[in-house]
Amino acid sequence: MSRTRIAGLEIDRLTLRDAVDRIVVFARTRDRHIVVTPNVDHMLRLRSDRAFRNAYAAASLVLTDGMPLVWVSRLGNTPLPGRVAGADLVQPVLVEAERKDCSVFFLGPMPETLKLALRRCALDFPRLRIAGAHAPPLDFEHDMTQDAACVSAIRDARPDIVFLALGTPKQELWIARHRKELDFGVALCVGAGIDYFAGVQRRCPKFLARIGVEWIWRLLSEPKRLGRRYAQCLLFMPELVWEQIRDARRSKANS
């Protein structure tokens, strides 16, 4: 599988269609594959969070959520074909799951949002096999009883595909920690993807996403929650750019 290296992270060079096809293949196994979708915030977190790095190391597929990472990749010798956000995976994976008779499980987000998502699934995908759904309370991972309930729900359902809508880094850390206890084909870390699918959050217009300014849309929507995070990402970008240019020069000199 062809990959692009950015700041030490190997990212799969796949289009959205390629990624969905690969996910369906994973779903047919019981190999407990994990799919993560890094953005600049993830790259910054990987520098200082060992548990998060270990979670990423367990992933079978690493896709590019952030458009800035696509731009940075173009400074090297193996540019990424485009952005494949976690939220972009939800709809096409559900389409293929229904078509290929793969069962799905939803972990998170909030109970009312999950109800809306299941209602939409019933309308849009009437033949989709839903193995189960569970909306844990906030900070459930710190409560042994609640955490065990999530594990039991997925283990008993034995789904082909798990949609993890818990947010970063919770979803990545949780599935990496409990992976060996579960029985599934592939788990997708989709963040707010189920919120968008359920219609409780409005997604950035596609033309803005294509030019890489979705972060501005999200910042204006949630300035208090995202302001500090995006400021840190902006400060980190020059370092990412420099590292990519440096690595490209080294690679060229060694070739």
Protein backbone atom coordinates (compact mmCIF):
# COMPACT_ATOMS: atom_id res chain seq x y z
CA MET A 1 0.00 0.00 0.00
CA SER A 2 1.42 3.41 -1.00
CA ARG A 3 1.92 5.87 1.82
CA THR A 4 3.04 9.46 2.35
CA ARG A 5 5.17 10.39 5.33
CA ILE A 6 4.41 13.67 7.12
CA ALA A 7 6.30 14.53 10.30
CA GLY A 8 6.93 10.87 11.01
CA LEU A 9 3.34 9.74 10.38
CA GLU A 10 2.67 7.35 7.51
CA ILE A 11 -0.60 8.29 5.77
CA ASP A 12 -2.33 6.07 3.21
CA ARG A 13 -2.55 7.58 -0.26
CA LEU A 14 -6.19 6.75 -0.98
CA THR A 15 -9.15 8.56 -2.47
CA LEU A 16 -12.50 8.47 -0.68
CA ARG A 17 -13.69 5.71 -3.03
CA ASP A 18 -10.53 3.68 -2.43
CA ALA A 19 -10.88 4.11 1.32
CA VAL A 20 -14.50 2.95 1.35
CA ASP A 21 -13.57 -0.12 -0.71
CA ARG A 22 -10.75 -0.96 1.70
CA ILE A 23 -13.06 -0.52 4.70
CA VAL A 24 -15.60 -2.95 3.21
CA VAL A 25 -12.81 -5.50 2.74
CA PHE A 26 -11.80 -5.03 6.38
CA ALA A 27 -15.43 -5.44 7.45
CA ARG A 28 -15.47 -8.95 6.00
CA THR A 29 -12.70 -10.01 8.39
CA ARG A 30 -12.77 -10.42 12.16
CA ASP A 31 -9.33 -8.82 12.40
CA ARG A 32 -10.41 -5.74 14.39
CA HIS A 33 -9.04 -3.13 12.01
CA ILE A 34 -9.01 0.51 13.10
CA VAL A 35 -9.31 3.54 10.81
CA VAL A 36 -8.07 6.96 11.97
CA THR A 37 -8.25 10.31 10.19
CA PRO A 38 -5.51 12.75 11.27
CA ASN A 39 -5.63 16.52 11.00
CA VAL A 40 -3.15 19.14 12.22
CA ASP A 41 -4.49 18.92 15.78
CA HIS A 42 -3.83 15.16 15.76
CA MET A 43 -0.31 15.72 14.43
CA LEU A 44 0.40 18.14 17.28
CA ARG A 45 -1.04 15.72 19.85
CA LEU A 46 1.10 12.89 18.49
CA ARG A 47 4.21 14.87 19.48
CA SER A 48 3.44 14.82 23.20
CA ASP A 49 0.88 12.09 23.91
CA ARG A 50 2.38 8.59 24.06
CA ALA A 51 -1.00 6.88 24.50
CA PHE A 52 -2.30 8.66 21.42
CA ARG A 53 0.78 7.58 19.44
CA ASN A 54 0.20 3.99 20.53
CA ALA A 55 -3.43 4.24 19.43
CA TYR A 56 -2.33 5.45 16.01
CA ALA A 57 0.22 2.65 15.81
CA ALA A 58 -2.66 0.17 16.11
CA ALA A 59 -4.47 1.62 13.07
CA SER A 60 -4.71 -0.35 9.83
CA LEU A 61 -5.72 2.69 7.78
CA VAL A 62 -4.60 6.30 8.25
CA LEU A 63 -6.56 8.79 6.14
CA THR A 64 -6.23 12.56 5.82
CA ASP A 65 -8.94 14.55 7.56
CA GLY A 66 -7.23 17.93 7.36
CA MET A 67 -6.77 19.74 4.06
CA PRO A 68 -3.61 21.46 5.39
CA LEU A 69 -1.98 18.02 5.53
CA VAL A 70 -2.79 17.53 1.85
CA TRP A 71 -1.08 20.84 1.09
CA VAL A 72 1.96 19.90 3.19
CA SER A 73 2.20 16.55 1.40
CA ARG A 74 2.62 18.39 -1.91
CA LEU A 75 5.95 19.72 -0.68
CA GLY A 76 7.28 16.15 -0.72
CA ASN A 77 7.74 13.48 -3.36
CA THR A 78 4.50 11.56 -2.74
CA PRO A 79 1.58 14.00 -2.47
CA LEU A 80 -1.74 12.78 -1.12
CA PRO A 81 -4.57 12.52 -3.68
CA GLY A 82 -6.95 14.52 -1.50
CA ARG A 83 -8.77 14.79 1.78
CA VAL A 84 -10.69 11.85 3.27
CA ALA A 85 -12.40 13.15 6.41
CA GLY A 86 -13.99 10.87 8.97
CA ALA A 87 -17.32 12.61 8.46
CA ASP A 88 -17.07 11.96 4.71
CA LEU A 89 -16.88 8.22 5.34
CA VAL A 90 -20.21 7.82 7.14
CA GLN A 91 -22.66 8.02 4.24
CA PRO A 92 -20.71 6.01 1.62
CA VAL A 93 -19.76 3.31 4.14
CA LEU A 94 -23.42 2.93 5.14
CA VAL A 95 -24.36 2.66 1.46
CA GLU A 96 -21.84 -0.13 0.94
CA ALA A 97 -22.73 -1.81 4.25
CA GLU A 98 -26.35 -2.10 3.13
CA ARG A 99 -25.34 -3.27 -0.33
CA LYS A 100 -22.84 -5.87 0.95
CA ASP A 101 -24.99 -6.96 3.93
CA CYS A 102 -22.46 -5.81 6.55
CA SER A 103 -23.75 -5.15 10.05
CA VAL A 104 -23.01 -1.84 11.77
CA PHE A 105 -22.78 -0.58 15.35
CA PHE A 106 -22.83 3.03 16.56
CA LEU A 107 -20.96 4.02 19.73
CA GLY A 108 -21.95 7.60 20.60
CA PRO A 109 -22.68 10.40 20.29
CA MET A 110 -25.40 11.76 22.63
CA PRO A 111 -28.62 9.73 23.08
CA GLU A 112 -30.93 12.12 21.20
CA THR A 113 -28.46 12.46 18.34
CA LEU A 114 -28.10 8.70 18.13
CA LYS A 115 -31.89 8.32 17.94
CA LEU A 116 -31.99 10.75 15.03
CA ALA A 117 -29.16 8.92 13.28
CA LEU A 118 -30.94 5.56 13.67
CA ARG A 119 -34.16 7.11 12.38
CA ARG A 120 -32.36 8.36 9.29
CA CYS A 121 -30.78 4.94 8.78
CA ALA A 122 -34.26 3.37 8.85
CA LEU A 123 -35.45 5.79 6.17
CA ASP A 124 -32.39 5.88 3.92
CA PHE A 125 -31.11 2.33 4.39
CA PRO A 126 -34.10 0.09 5.16
CA ARG A 127 -32.12 -3.11 4.51
CA LEU A 128 -29.13 -2.07 6.61
CA ARG A 129 -28.34 -4.54 9.39
CA ILE A 130 -27.88 -2.54 12.59
CA ALA A 131 -26.18 -4.80 15.10
CA GLY A 132 -26.57 -2.30 17.90
CA ALA A 133 -26.09 1.25 19.18
CA HIS A 134 -24.99 2.70 22.48
CA ALA A 135 -24.73 6.31 23.66
CA PRO A 136 -22.52 6.39 26.76
CA PRO A 137 -22.55 9.36 29.16
CA LEU A 138 -19.80 11.96 29.10
CA ASP A 139 -16.56 10.78 30.71
CA PHE A 140 -17.82 7.19 30.64
CA GLU A 141 -14.28 5.97 30.12
CA HIS A 142 -13.47 6.98 33.72
CA ASP A 143 -16.36 4.95 35.12
CA MET A 144 -15.61 1.21 35.22
CA THR A 145 -19.27 0.23 35.02
CA GLN A 146 -20.10 2.52 32.10
CA ASP A 147 -16.89 1.61 30.29
CA ALA A 148 -17.62 -2.11 30.70
CA ALA A 149 -21.15 -1.55 29.36
CA CYS A 150 -19.70 -0.16 26.12
CA VAL A 151 -17.36 -3.13 25.79
CA SER A 152 -20.17 -5.60 26.41
CA ALA A 153 -22.51 -3.90 23.95
CA ILE A 154 -20.04 -4.21 21.07
CA ARG A 155 -18.75 -7.63 22.07
CA ASP A 156 -22.27 -9.07 22.20
CA ALA A 157 -23.29 -7.46 18.90
CA ARG A 158 -20.23 -8.74 16.95
CA PRO A 159 -20.63 -6.07 14.23
CA ASP A 160 -18.78 -5.94 10.96
CA ILE A 161 -18.38 -2.15 11.17
CA VAL A 162 -18.22 0.06 14.26
CA PHE A 163 -18.74 3.82 13.99
CA LEU A 164 -16.97 5.56 16.87
CA ALA A 165 -18.42 9.04 17.40
CA LEU A 166 -16.80 9.98 20.69
CA GLY A 167 -14.46 12.75 19.57
CA THR A 168 -10.67 12.89 19.57
CA PRO A 169 -8.69 11.66 21.43
CA LYS A 170 -11.32 9.66 23.33
CA GLN A 171 -12.43 7.47 20.42
CA GLU A 172 -8.90 6.55 19.33
CA LEU A 173 -7.71 5.85 22.87
CA TRP A 174 -10.81 3.84 23.77
CA ILE A 175 -10.80 1.49 20.78
CA ALA A 176 -7.04 0.91 21.04
CA ARG A 177 -7.38 0.08 24.73
CA HIS A 178 -10.27 -2.35 24.30
CA ARG A 179 -9.55 -3.74 20.86
CA LYS A 180 -8.46 -7.19 22.06
CA GLU A 181 -11.64 -7.59 24.13
CA LEU A 182 -13.96 -6.98 21.19
CA ASP A 183 -15.10 -8.85 18.10
CA PHE A 184 -15.54 -6.71 14.99
CA GLY A 185 -14.28 -6.28 11.45
CA VAL A 186 -13.35 -2.59 11.31
CA ALA A 187 -13.83 0.42 13.59
CA LEU A 188 -14.01 3.93 12.12
CA CYS A 189 -13.11 6.99 14.18
CA VAL A 190 -15.57 9.49 12.71
CA GLY A 191 -15.78 12.18 15.41
CA ALA A 192 -18.69 14.51 14.65
CA GLY A 193 -19.61 12.47 11.57
CA ILE A 194 -22.74 11.04 13.19
CA ASP A 195 -23.82 14.52 14.36
CA TYR A 196 -23.66 15.68 10.74
CA PHE A 197 -25.43 12.55 9.52
CA ALA A 198 -28.19 13.03 12.09
CA GLY A 199 -28.56 16.69 11.15
CA VAL A 200 -27.87 18.15 14.59
CA GLN A 201 -24.77 19.95 13.33
CA ARG A 202 -24.49 21.77 10.05
CA ARG A 203 -21.55 20.75 7.90
CA CYS A 204 -19.35 23.30 6.23
CA PRO A 205 -20.44 24.04 2.62
CA LYS A 206 -18.55 21.81 0.20
CA PHE A 207 -16.98 24.67 -1.73
CA LEU A 208 -15.38 25.96 1.49
CA ALA A 209 -14.16 22.49 2.43
CA ARG A 210 -12.59 22.09 -1.04
CA ILE A 211 -10.46 25.19 -0.58
CA GLY A 212 -9.41 24.11 2.89
CA VAL A 213 -11.16 26.64 5.12
CA GLU A 214 -13.56 24.33 6.94
CA TRP A 215 -11.63 25.12 10.11
CA ILE A 216 -12.76 28.75 9.87
CA TRP A 217 -16.38 27.60 9.58
CA ARG A 218 -16.02 25.41 12.65
CA LEU A 219 -14.18 28.11 14.59
CA LEU A 220 -16.97 30.62 13.96
CA SER A 221 -19.51 27.97 15.02
CA GLU A 222 -17.72 27.04 18.27
CA PRO A 223 -15.20 29.79 19.11
CA LYS A 224 -14.92 29.03 22.84
CA ARG A 225 -14.28 25.31 22.37
CA LEU A 226 -12.04 25.50 19.31
CA GLY A 227 -10.28 28.87 19.60
CA ARG A 228 -7.27 27.73 21.59
CA ARG A 229 -6.94 24.47 19.65
CA TYR A 230 -6.86 26.19 16.27
CA ALA A 231 -4.43 28.86 17.51
CA GLN A 232 -2.03 26.08 18.53
CA CYS A 233 -2.47 24.40 15.14
CA LEU A 234 -1.68 27.63 13.28
CA LEU A 235 1.50 28.05 15.30
CA PHE A 236 2.46 24.44 14.56
CA MET A 237 1.98 24.69 10.77
CA PRO A 238 5.37 26.32 9.94
CA GLU A 239 7.12 23.46 11.75
CA LEU A 240 5.17 20.89 9.70
CA VAL A 241 6.00 22.73 6.47
CA TRP A 242 9.70 22.96 7.31
CA GLU A 243 9.93 19.29 8.27
CA GLN A 244 8.29 18.24 5.02
CA ILE A 245 10.64 20.38 2.92
CA ARG A 246 13.66 19.09 4.87
CA ASP A 247 12.62 15.45 4.49
CA ALA A 248 11.97 15.92 0.76
CA ARG A 249 15.47 17.36 0.31
CA ARG A 250 17.03 14.48 2.23
CA SER A 251 15.12 11.95 0.19
CA LYS A 252 16.21 13.59 -3.06
CA ALA A 253 19.85 13.73 -1.93
CA ASN A 254 19.79 10.00 -1.04
CA SER A 255 18.13 8.88 -4.27
